[in-house]
């Protein structure tokens, strides 16, 4: 931890709730993951919408309904399926990651993204990339190819970025 957070700056989110912080509203929803009360978040301010969804084994139709049409997304793109299958993890860990309560693959991320973006969507950040079972270039290429198969062209219609947990992303406006 970088430092202590004052207790008046800590907030507990229950699932399926909305909290307001001035003009910013934050909605929380449950995801399919092997953790206690795992959630994803939707941030609203005026007509702008940002979705942050990681640590989920899949993106359900219900989740897609909530996240459709955001201006920007931080979307899990955890692993390349073949890298995971051929990698050093024991089979029980591989099964967990590939399961419904595991993590979204690059391919599944691309499919889900293609189903929820609209003309309003301009930025997608790929997050929670596995150090052992993925590579930034591979994640971007896989998601880009999946989007291209749906006639969604990265670099023309929207921008696609990878993230690194040790490096802050650039500040952007939506």
N, C-alpha and C. Protein backbone atom coordinates (compact mmCIF):
# COMPACT_ATOMS: atom_id res chain seq x y z
N UNK A 1 0.84 -1.17 0.00
CA UNK A 1 0.00 0.00 0.00
C UNK A 1 0.89 1.24 0.00
N UNK A 2 0.48 2.24 -0.74
CA UNK A 2 1.27 3.46 -0.88
C UNK A 2 1.23 4.29 0.39
N UNK A 3 0.16 4.22 1.12
CA UNK A 3 0.03 4.99 2.35
C UNK A 3 -1.31 4.71 2.98
N UNK A 4 -1.52 5.26 4.13
CA UNK A 4 -2.79 5.07 4.81
C UNK A 4 -3.87 5.94 4.17
N UNK A 5 -5.06 5.40 4.09
CA UNK A 5 -6.20 6.14 3.57
C UNK A 5 -7.07 6.53 4.76
N UNK A 6 -7.40 7.80 4.84
CA UNK A 6 -8.24 8.28 5.93
C UNK A 6 -9.58 7.56 5.90
N UNK A 7 -10.12 7.25 7.07
CA UNK A 7 -11.37 6.50 7.14
C UNK A 7 -12.52 7.25 6.48
N UNK A 8 -12.50 8.58 6.47
CA UNK A 8 -13.57 9.33 5.82
C UNK A 8 -13.45 9.29 4.29
N UNK A 9 -12.38 8.70 3.78
CA UNK A 9 -12.21 8.55 2.33
C UNK A 9 -12.43 7.11 1.88
N UNK A 10 -12.83 6.25 2.80
CA UNK A 10 -13.10 4.85 2.47
C UNK A 10 -14.61 4.67 2.33
N UNK A 11 -15.00 3.90 1.32
CA UNK A 11 -16.41 3.65 1.08
C UNK A 11 -16.61 2.17 0.83
N UNK A 12 -17.61 1.60 1.45
CA UNK A 12 -17.97 0.21 1.21
C UNK A 12 -19.10 0.18 0.20
N UNK A 13 -18.95 -0.63 -0.82
CA UNK A 13 -20.00 -0.78 -1.82
C UNK A 13 -20.69 -2.12 -1.64
N UNK A 14 -21.99 -2.08 -1.55
CA UNK A 14 -22.78 -3.30 -1.62
C UNK A 14 -23.12 -3.53 -3.08
N UNK A 15 -23.39 -4.79 -3.43
CA UNK A 15 -23.77 -5.08 -4.80
C UNK A 15 -25.11 -4.44 -5.13
N UNK A 16 -25.24 -4.07 -6.40
CA UNK A 16 -26.49 -3.53 -6.92
C UNK A 16 -26.88 -2.22 -6.23
N UNK A 17 -25.91 -1.37 -5.95
CA UNK A 17 -26.19 -0.08 -5.33
C UNK A 17 -25.60 1.05 -6.16
N UNK A 18 -26.05 2.24 -5.86
CA UNK A 18 -25.51 3.45 -6.49
C UNK A 18 -25.07 4.38 -5.38
N UNK A 19 -23.86 4.90 -5.49
CA UNK A 19 -23.36 5.92 -4.55
C UNK A 19 -23.04 7.16 -5.36
N UNK A 20 -23.33 8.31 -4.78
CA UNK A 20 -23.07 9.58 -5.45
C UNK A 20 -21.98 10.34 -4.73
N UNK A 21 -21.11 10.92 -5.51
CA UNK A 21 -20.02 11.77 -5.02
C UNK A 21 -20.08 13.05 -5.85
N UNK A 22 -20.85 14.01 -5.39
CA UNK A 22 -21.07 15.20 -6.20
C UNK A 22 -21.82 14.81 -7.46
N UNK A 23 -21.30 15.19 -8.63
CA UNK A 23 -21.96 14.86 -9.90
C UNK A 23 -21.61 13.46 -10.41
N UNK A 24 -20.75 12.74 -9.69
CA UNK A 24 -20.34 11.40 -10.10
C UNK A 24 -21.19 10.36 -9.38
N UNK A 25 -21.78 9.46 -10.15
CA UNK A 25 -22.50 8.33 -9.58
C UNK A 25 -21.74 7.05 -9.91
N UNK A 26 -21.65 6.16 -8.92
CA UNK A 26 -20.96 4.89 -9.10
C UNK A 26 -21.94 3.77 -8.81
N UNK A 27 -22.15 2.89 -9.80
CA UNK A 27 -23.01 1.73 -9.64
C UNK A 27 -22.13 0.50 -9.48
N UNK A 28 -22.57 -0.43 -8.64
CA UNK A 28 -21.82 -1.67 -8.45
C UNK A 28 -22.72 -2.86 -8.78
N UNK A 29 -22.13 -3.85 -9.45
CA UNK A 29 -22.85 -5.04 -9.85
C UNK A 29 -21.96 -6.26 -9.64
N UNK A 30 -22.57 -7.40 -9.37
CA UNK A 30 -21.82 -8.62 -9.15
C UNK A 30 -21.27 -9.21 -10.44
N UNK A 31 -20.14 -9.91 -10.31
CA UNK A 31 -19.53 -10.64 -11.42
C UNK A 31 -19.39 -12.10 -11.03
N UNK A 32 -19.07 -12.94 -11.99
CA UNK A 32 -18.87 -14.36 -11.76
C UNK A 32 -17.39 -14.63 -11.52
N UNK A 33 -17.01 -14.67 -10.24
CA UNK A 33 -15.60 -14.89 -9.90
C UNK A 33 -15.54 -15.60 -8.55
N UNK A 34 -14.50 -16.37 -8.33
CA UNK A 34 -14.36 -17.15 -7.10
C UNK A 34 -13.77 -16.30 -5.97
N UNK A 35 -14.53 -15.30 -5.57
CA UNK A 35 -14.13 -14.40 -4.49
C UNK A 35 -15.39 -14.02 -3.71
N UNK A 36 -15.22 -13.35 -2.60
CA UNK A 36 -16.36 -12.91 -1.82
C UNK A 36 -16.85 -11.57 -2.38
N UNK A 37 -18.10 -11.55 -2.81
CA UNK A 37 -18.76 -10.36 -3.35
C UNK A 37 -17.93 -9.63 -4.42
N UNK A 38 -17.47 -10.32 -5.45
CA UNK A 38 -16.74 -9.62 -6.51
C UNK A 38 -17.69 -8.72 -7.30
N UNK A 39 -17.20 -7.55 -7.70
CA UNK A 39 -18.06 -6.58 -8.38
C UNK A 39 -17.34 -5.90 -9.53
N UNK A 40 -18.16 -5.32 -10.41
CA UNK A 40 -17.66 -4.38 -11.40
C UNK A 40 -18.39 -3.07 -11.18
N UNK A 41 -17.87 -2.01 -11.80
CA UNK A 41 -18.39 -0.67 -11.51
C UNK A 41 -18.68 0.10 -12.79
N UNK A 42 -19.74 0.89 -12.73
CA UNK A 42 -20.09 1.81 -13.80
C UNK A 42 -20.09 3.21 -13.20
N UNK A 43 -19.35 4.10 -13.83
CA UNK A 43 -19.24 5.49 -13.38
C UNK A 43 -20.02 6.37 -14.35
N UNK A 44 -20.91 7.20 -13.80
CA UNK A 44 -21.72 8.12 -14.61
C UNK A 44 -21.48 9.55 -14.15
N UNK A 45 -21.41 10.45 -15.09
CA UNK A 45 -21.42 11.88 -14.79
C UNK A 45 -22.09 12.56 -15.98
N UNK A 46 -23.26 13.12 -15.75
CA UNK A 46 -24.03 13.67 -16.86
C UNK A 46 -24.36 12.56 -17.84
N UNK A 47 -24.06 12.78 -19.12
CA UNK A 47 -24.34 11.76 -20.13
C UNK A 47 -23.11 10.89 -20.43
N UNK A 48 -22.08 10.99 -19.61
CA UNK A 48 -20.85 10.22 -19.81
C UNK A 48 -20.87 8.96 -18.95
N UNK A 49 -20.27 7.89 -19.50
CA UNK A 49 -20.30 6.59 -18.81
C UNK A 49 -18.96 5.88 -19.02
N UNK A 50 -18.38 5.41 -17.91
CA UNK A 50 -17.14 4.64 -17.92
C UNK A 50 -17.39 3.33 -17.18
N UNK A 51 -17.00 2.21 -17.77
CA UNK A 51 -17.21 0.89 -17.17
C UNK A 51 -15.86 0.29 -16.83
N UNK A 52 -15.75 -0.28 -15.62
CA UNK A 52 -14.54 -0.97 -15.18
C UNK A 52 -14.94 -2.38 -14.79
N UNK A 53 -14.53 -3.36 -15.61
CA UNK A 53 -14.95 -4.74 -15.38
C UNK A 53 -13.74 -5.68 -15.50
N UNK A 54 -13.37 -6.25 -14.37
CA UNK A 54 -12.28 -7.24 -14.32
C UNK A 54 -12.70 -8.35 -13.36
N UNK A 55 -11.87 -9.37 -13.27
CA UNK A 55 -12.11 -10.49 -12.36
C UNK A 55 -13.50 -11.09 -12.53
N UNK A 56 -13.76 -11.53 -13.75
CA UNK A 56 -15.00 -12.25 -14.03
C UNK A 56 -14.69 -13.39 -14.99
N UNK A 57 -15.37 -14.50 -14.80
CA UNK A 57 -15.14 -15.66 -15.66
C UNK A 57 -15.80 -15.53 -17.01
N UNK A 58 -16.86 -14.74 -17.07
CA UNK A 58 -17.55 -14.49 -18.33
C UNK A 58 -18.39 -13.23 -18.18
N UNK A 59 -18.86 -12.73 -19.30
CA UNK A 59 -19.71 -11.53 -19.30
C UNK A 59 -21.11 -11.99 -19.70
N UNK A 60 -22.00 -11.99 -18.73
CA UNK A 60 -23.37 -12.48 -18.96
C UNK A 60 -24.18 -11.47 -19.77
N UNK A 61 -25.30 -11.93 -20.30
CA UNK A 61 -26.19 -11.03 -21.03
C UNK A 61 -26.69 -9.91 -20.11
N UNK A 62 -26.93 -10.23 -18.85
CA UNK A 62 -27.37 -9.22 -17.89
C UNK A 62 -26.29 -8.14 -17.72
N UNK A 63 -25.05 -8.58 -17.58
CA UNK A 63 -23.94 -7.63 -17.46
C UNK A 63 -23.84 -6.77 -18.71
N UNK A 64 -23.96 -7.40 -19.88
CA UNK A 64 -23.88 -6.66 -21.14
C UNK A 64 -24.96 -5.58 -21.20
N UNK A 65 -26.15 -5.90 -20.69
CA UNK A 65 -27.22 -4.91 -20.67
C UNK A 65 -26.86 -3.68 -19.85
N UNK A 66 -26.17 -3.89 -18.74
CA UNK A 66 -25.76 -2.77 -17.88
C UNK A 66 -24.63 -1.95 -18.49
N UNK A 67 -23.71 -2.61 -19.18
CA UNK A 67 -22.50 -1.91 -19.62
C UNK A 67 -22.55 -1.39 -21.06
N UNK A 68 -23.60 -1.73 -21.78
CA UNK A 68 -23.68 -1.34 -23.20
C UNK A 68 -23.65 0.18 -23.36
N UNK A 69 -22.91 0.62 -24.37
CA UNK A 69 -22.93 2.02 -24.77
C UNK A 69 -22.12 2.97 -23.92
N UNK A 70 -21.08 2.48 -23.26
CA UNK A 70 -20.22 3.39 -22.47
C UNK A 70 -19.31 4.18 -23.40
N UNK A 71 -18.84 5.31 -22.89
CA UNK A 71 -17.86 6.12 -23.63
C UNK A 71 -16.49 5.47 -23.61
N UNK A 72 -16.18 4.79 -22.50
CA UNK A 72 -14.87 4.14 -22.35
C UNK A 72 -15.02 2.93 -21.43
N UNK A 73 -14.12 1.98 -21.60
CA UNK A 73 -14.13 0.75 -20.81
C UNK A 73 -12.72 0.43 -20.33
N UNK A 74 -12.64 -0.12 -19.13
CA UNK A 74 -11.47 -0.89 -18.69
C UNK A 74 -11.99 -2.31 -18.62
N UNK A 75 -11.49 -3.17 -19.50
CA UNK A 75 -12.05 -4.50 -19.68
C UNK A 75 -10.98 -5.55 -19.45
N UNK A 76 -11.31 -6.57 -18.67
CA UNK A 76 -10.37 -7.66 -18.44
C UNK A 76 -10.07 -8.39 -19.74
N UNK A 77 -8.79 -8.64 -19.97
CA UNK A 77 -8.30 -9.44 -21.09
C UNK A 77 -7.15 -10.27 -20.51
N UNK A 78 -7.51 -11.22 -19.67
CA UNK A 78 -6.56 -11.85 -18.77
C UNK A 78 -5.53 -12.75 -19.43
N UNK A 79 -5.97 -13.59 -20.37
CA UNK A 79 -5.03 -14.61 -20.86
C UNK A 79 -5.31 -14.99 -22.31
N UNK A 80 -4.28 -15.51 -22.92
CA UNK A 80 -4.38 -16.19 -24.20
C UNK A 80 -4.62 -17.66 -23.87
N UNK A 81 -5.67 -18.24 -24.42
CA UNK A 81 -6.05 -19.60 -24.04
C UNK A 81 -4.93 -20.60 -24.30
N UNK A 82 -4.26 -20.51 -25.45
CA UNK A 82 -3.19 -21.46 -25.75
C UNK A 82 -1.98 -21.26 -24.84
N UNK A 83 -1.63 -20.03 -24.54
CA UNK A 83 -0.52 -19.79 -23.61
C UNK A 83 -0.84 -20.39 -22.25
N UNK A 84 -2.08 -20.23 -21.80
CA UNK A 84 -2.49 -20.79 -20.52
C UNK A 84 -2.43 -22.31 -20.57
N UNK A 85 -2.99 -22.91 -21.60
CA UNK A 85 -3.01 -24.38 -21.70
C UNK A 85 -1.61 -24.97 -21.75
N UNK A 86 -0.69 -24.30 -22.43
CA UNK A 86 0.67 -24.81 -22.58
C UNK A 86 1.60 -24.35 -21.47
N UNK A 87 1.13 -23.48 -20.61
CA UNK A 87 1.98 -22.87 -19.59
C UNK A 87 2.25 -23.77 -18.39
N UNK A 88 2.94 -23.20 -17.42
CA UNK A 88 3.46 -23.95 -16.27
C UNK A 88 2.46 -24.16 -15.14
N UNK A 89 1.29 -23.54 -15.19
CA UNK A 89 0.33 -23.68 -14.10
C UNK A 89 -0.16 -25.12 -13.99
N UNK A 90 -0.44 -25.59 -12.78
CA UNK A 90 -1.04 -26.92 -12.63
C UNK A 90 -2.45 -26.93 -13.24
N UNK A 91 -2.93 -28.12 -13.62
CA UNK A 91 -4.21 -28.23 -14.31
C UNK A 91 -5.37 -27.68 -13.49
N UNK A 92 -5.35 -27.83 -12.18
CA UNK A 92 -6.47 -27.32 -11.39
C UNK A 92 -6.54 -25.79 -11.46
N UNK A 93 -5.40 -25.13 -11.54
CA UNK A 93 -5.39 -23.66 -11.67
C UNK A 93 -5.84 -23.26 -13.07
N UNK A 94 -5.39 -24.00 -14.08
CA UNK A 94 -5.81 -23.72 -15.45
C UNK A 94 -7.33 -23.86 -15.58
N UNK A 95 -7.88 -24.93 -15.01
CA UNK A 95 -9.34 -25.13 -15.06
C UNK A 95 -10.07 -23.99 -14.36
N UNK A 96 -9.55 -23.53 -13.23
CA UNK A 96 -10.18 -22.43 -12.50
C UNK A 96 -10.18 -21.16 -13.35
N UNK A 97 -9.05 -20.83 -13.95
CA UNK A 97 -8.94 -19.62 -14.77
C UNK A 97 -9.87 -19.69 -15.98
N UNK A 98 -9.97 -20.87 -16.61
CA UNK A 98 -10.80 -21.04 -17.79
C UNK A 98 -12.29 -21.18 -17.46
N UNK A 99 -12.61 -21.41 -16.19
CA UNK A 99 -13.99 -21.65 -15.79
C UNK A 99 -14.83 -20.39 -15.69
N UNK A 100 -16.12 -20.61 -15.42
CA UNK A 100 -17.07 -19.50 -15.32
C UNK A 100 -16.80 -18.56 -14.15
N UNK A 101 -16.01 -18.99 -13.19
CA UNK A 101 -15.66 -18.13 -12.06
C UNK A 101 -14.18 -17.75 -12.09
N UNK A 102 -13.59 -17.83 -13.28
CA UNK A 102 -12.17 -17.53 -13.44
C UNK A 102 -11.93 -16.15 -14.01
N UNK A 103 -11.36 -16.12 -15.22
CA UNK A 103 -10.98 -14.86 -15.86
C UNK A 103 -11.33 -14.88 -17.35
N UNK A 104 -11.58 -13.72 -17.90
CA UNK A 104 -11.94 -13.58 -19.31
C UNK A 104 -10.68 -13.65 -20.18
N UNK A 105 -10.74 -14.46 -21.22
CA UNK A 105 -9.62 -14.58 -22.17
C UNK A 105 -9.62 -13.40 -23.13
N UNK A 106 -8.54 -13.26 -23.87
CA UNK A 106 -8.46 -12.21 -24.90
C UNK A 106 -9.61 -12.34 -25.89
N UNK A 107 -9.83 -13.56 -26.38
CA UNK A 107 -10.88 -13.79 -27.37
C UNK A 107 -12.26 -13.44 -26.81
N UNK A 108 -12.55 -13.92 -25.60
CA UNK A 108 -13.85 -13.63 -25.00
C UNK A 108 -14.02 -12.15 -24.70
N UNK A 109 -12.93 -11.48 -24.35
CA UNK A 109 -13.00 -10.02 -24.13
C UNK A 109 -13.38 -9.33 -25.44
N UNK A 110 -12.74 -9.72 -26.53
CA UNK A 110 -13.06 -9.12 -27.82
C UNK A 110 -14.50 -9.34 -28.22
N UNK A 111 -15.01 -10.54 -27.99
CA UNK A 111 -16.41 -10.83 -28.32
C UNK A 111 -17.35 -9.97 -27.48
N UNK A 112 -17.11 -9.94 -26.17
CA UNK A 112 -17.98 -9.14 -25.29
C UNK A 112 -17.91 -7.66 -25.64
N UNK A 113 -16.71 -7.17 -25.90
CA UNK A 113 -16.55 -5.75 -26.26
C UNK A 113 -17.34 -5.45 -27.53
N UNK A 114 -17.25 -6.34 -28.52
CA UNK A 114 -17.95 -6.10 -29.79
C UNK A 114 -19.46 -6.05 -29.59
N UNK A 115 -19.96 -6.70 -28.55
CA UNK A 115 -21.40 -6.74 -28.29
C UNK A 115 -21.90 -5.56 -27.47
N UNK A 116 -21.00 -4.80 -26.84
CA UNK A 116 -21.46 -3.71 -25.97
C UNK A 116 -21.08 -2.32 -26.44
N UNK A 117 -20.11 -2.22 -27.34
CA UNK A 117 -19.72 -0.87 -27.77
C UNK A 117 -20.74 -0.31 -28.74
N UNK A 118 -20.79 1.02 -28.79
CA UNK A 118 -21.64 1.73 -29.73
C UNK A 118 -20.79 2.82 -30.38
N UNK A 119 -21.41 3.62 -31.22
CA UNK A 119 -20.70 4.73 -31.84
C UNK A 119 -20.17 5.70 -30.79
N UNK A 120 -20.76 5.69 -29.62
CA UNK A 120 -20.35 6.57 -28.52
C UNK A 120 -18.99 6.15 -27.93
N UNK A 121 -18.67 4.86 -28.03
CA UNK A 121 -17.45 4.31 -27.42
C UNK A 121 -16.21 4.76 -28.18
N UNK A 122 -15.26 5.36 -27.47
CA UNK A 122 -14.05 5.86 -28.12
C UNK A 122 -12.76 5.26 -27.55
N UNK A 123 -12.81 4.72 -26.33
CA UNK A 123 -11.57 4.22 -25.69
C UNK A 123 -11.87 2.90 -24.98
N UNK A 124 -10.96 1.94 -25.20
CA UNK A 124 -11.02 0.67 -24.47
C UNK A 124 -9.63 0.40 -23.92
N UNK A 125 -9.59 0.13 -22.63
CA UNK A 125 -8.35 -0.23 -21.95
C UNK A 125 -8.44 -1.70 -21.58
N UNK A 126 -7.42 -2.47 -21.94
CA UNK A 126 -7.37 -3.88 -21.57
C UNK A 126 -6.63 -4.00 -20.26
N UNK A 127 -7.24 -4.65 -19.29
CA UNK A 127 -6.65 -4.74 -17.97
C UNK A 127 -6.57 -6.16 -17.45
N UNK A 128 -5.89 -6.29 -16.33
CA UNK A 128 -5.71 -7.56 -15.63
C UNK A 128 -5.08 -8.61 -16.53
N UNK A 129 -4.08 -8.20 -17.32
CA UNK A 129 -3.36 -9.13 -18.19
C UNK A 129 -2.43 -10.00 -17.35
N UNK A 130 -2.52 -11.30 -17.54
CA UNK A 130 -1.66 -12.23 -16.83
C UNK A 130 -0.20 -12.04 -17.26
N UNK A 131 0.70 -12.03 -16.28
CA UNK A 131 2.13 -11.94 -16.60
C UNK A 131 2.65 -13.22 -17.23
N UNK A 132 2.02 -14.35 -16.86
CA UNK A 132 2.49 -15.65 -17.33
C UNK A 132 1.78 -16.16 -18.58
N UNK A 133 0.54 -15.72 -18.78
CA UNK A 133 -0.29 -16.32 -19.83
C UNK A 133 -0.83 -15.31 -20.84
N UNK A 134 -0.13 -14.20 -20.98
CA UNK A 134 -0.55 -13.18 -21.93
C UNK A 134 0.62 -12.25 -22.22
N UNK A 135 0.47 -11.47 -23.26
CA UNK A 135 1.42 -10.41 -23.59
C UNK A 135 0.60 -9.23 -24.08
N UNK A 136 1.06 -8.03 -23.80
CA UNK A 136 0.30 -6.83 -24.19
C UNK A 136 0.00 -6.82 -25.68
N UNK A 137 1.01 -7.06 -26.51
CA UNK A 137 0.81 -7.04 -27.96
C UNK A 137 -0.18 -8.11 -28.40
N UNK A 138 -0.09 -9.28 -27.79
CA UNK A 138 -0.99 -10.38 -28.13
C UNK A 138 -2.43 -10.04 -27.74
N UNK A 139 -2.62 -9.47 -26.56
CA UNK A 139 -3.97 -9.09 -26.12
C UNK A 139 -4.57 -8.06 -27.07
N UNK A 140 -3.80 -7.02 -27.39
CA UNK A 140 -4.30 -5.99 -28.31
C UNK A 140 -4.61 -6.58 -29.68
N UNK A 141 -3.72 -7.43 -30.20
CA UNK A 141 -3.92 -8.03 -31.51
C UNK A 141 -5.16 -8.92 -31.51
N UNK A 142 -5.31 -9.75 -30.50
CA UNK A 142 -6.44 -10.67 -30.42
C UNK A 142 -7.76 -9.91 -30.35
N UNK A 143 -7.83 -8.92 -29.47
CA UNK A 143 -9.07 -8.13 -29.35
C UNK A 143 -9.32 -7.35 -30.63
N UNK A 144 -8.28 -6.77 -31.21
CA UNK A 144 -8.43 -6.02 -32.47
C UNK A 144 -8.96 -6.91 -33.59
N UNK A 145 -8.43 -8.13 -33.70
CA UNK A 145 -8.89 -9.05 -34.74
C UNK A 145 -10.34 -9.47 -34.52
N UNK A 146 -10.71 -9.70 -33.28
CA UNK A 146 -12.09 -10.07 -32.98
C UNK A 146 -13.02 -8.92 -33.33
N UNK A 147 -12.62 -7.70 -33.01
CA UNK A 147 -13.43 -6.53 -33.36
C UNK A 147 -13.49 -6.35 -34.88
N UNK A 148 -12.36 -6.53 -35.56
CA UNK A 148 -12.33 -6.37 -37.02
C UNK A 148 -13.27 -7.36 -37.71
N UNK A 149 -13.41 -8.56 -37.15
CA UNK A 149 -14.33 -9.54 -37.71
C UNK A 149 -15.78 -9.06 -37.64
N UNK A 150 -16.03 -8.08 -36.78
CA UNK A 150 -17.36 -7.47 -36.66
C UNK A 150 -17.39 -6.09 -37.33
N UNK A 151 -16.41 -5.83 -38.17
CA UNK A 151 -16.29 -4.54 -38.90
C UNK A 151 -16.09 -3.35 -37.97
N UNK A 152 -15.42 -3.58 -36.85
CA UNK A 152 -15.07 -2.51 -35.91
C UNK A 152 -13.56 -2.33 -36.03
N UNK A 153 -13.13 -1.18 -36.50
CA UNK A 153 -11.72 -0.97 -36.80
C UNK A 153 -11.06 -0.14 -35.71
N UNK A 154 -10.12 -0.79 -35.00
CA UNK A 154 -9.34 -0.11 -33.96
C UNK A 154 -8.44 0.91 -34.64
N UNK A 155 -8.38 2.10 -34.06
CA UNK A 155 -7.57 3.17 -34.62
C UNK A 155 -8.38 4.11 -35.50
N UNK A 156 -9.53 3.64 -35.95
CA UNK A 156 -10.42 4.48 -36.76
C UNK A 156 -11.67 4.81 -35.96
N UNK A 157 -12.37 3.77 -35.50
CA UNK A 157 -13.61 3.97 -34.76
C UNK A 157 -13.39 4.17 -33.27
N UNK A 158 -12.35 3.57 -32.76
CA UNK A 158 -12.04 3.67 -31.34
C UNK A 158 -10.58 3.37 -31.12
N UNK A 159 -10.09 3.71 -29.92
CA UNK A 159 -8.69 3.44 -29.56
C UNK A 159 -8.64 2.30 -28.55
N UNK A 160 -7.62 1.47 -28.66
CA UNK A 160 -7.43 0.32 -27.78
C UNK A 160 -6.08 0.45 -27.09
N UNK A 161 -6.08 0.35 -25.77
CA UNK A 161 -4.87 0.52 -24.97
C UNK A 161 -4.70 -0.67 -24.04
N UNK A 162 -3.46 -1.00 -23.72
CA UNK A 162 -3.21 -1.97 -22.66
C UNK A 162 -2.88 -1.20 -21.39
N UNK A 163 -2.97 -1.88 -20.27
CA UNK A 163 -2.64 -1.24 -19.00
C UNK A 163 -1.60 -2.07 -18.28
N UNK A 164 -0.94 -1.45 -17.34
CA UNK A 164 0.06 -2.10 -16.51
C UNK A 164 -0.24 -1.69 -15.08
N UNK A 165 -0.42 -2.65 -14.17
CA UNK A 165 -0.78 -2.29 -12.79
C UNK A 165 0.27 -1.43 -12.09
N UNK A 166 1.49 -1.43 -12.59
CA UNK A 166 2.56 -0.65 -11.95
C UNK A 166 2.72 0.75 -12.56
N UNK A 167 1.96 1.02 -13.63
CA UNK A 167 2.11 2.30 -14.34
C UNK A 167 0.74 2.95 -14.51
N UNK A 168 0.57 4.17 -14.01
CA UNK A 168 -0.73 4.84 -14.20
C UNK A 168 -1.00 5.09 -15.68
N UNK A 169 -2.27 5.00 -16.07
CA UNK A 169 -2.63 5.36 -17.44
C UNK A 169 -2.63 6.88 -17.56
N UNK A 170 -2.54 7.35 -18.77
CA UNK A 170 -2.66 8.79 -19.00
C UNK A 170 -4.06 9.24 -18.61
N UNK A 171 -4.18 10.45 -18.14
CA UNK A 171 -5.48 11.02 -17.84
C UNK A 171 -6.18 11.31 -19.16
N UNK A 172 -7.46 10.97 -19.23
CA UNK A 172 -8.20 11.22 -20.46
C UNK A 172 -9.58 11.77 -20.11
N UNK A 173 -10.17 12.44 -21.07
CA UNK A 173 -11.50 13.02 -20.91
C UNK A 173 -12.46 12.27 -21.81
N UNK A 174 -13.64 11.98 -21.26
CA UNK A 174 -14.66 11.33 -22.09
C UNK A 174 -15.84 12.26 -22.26
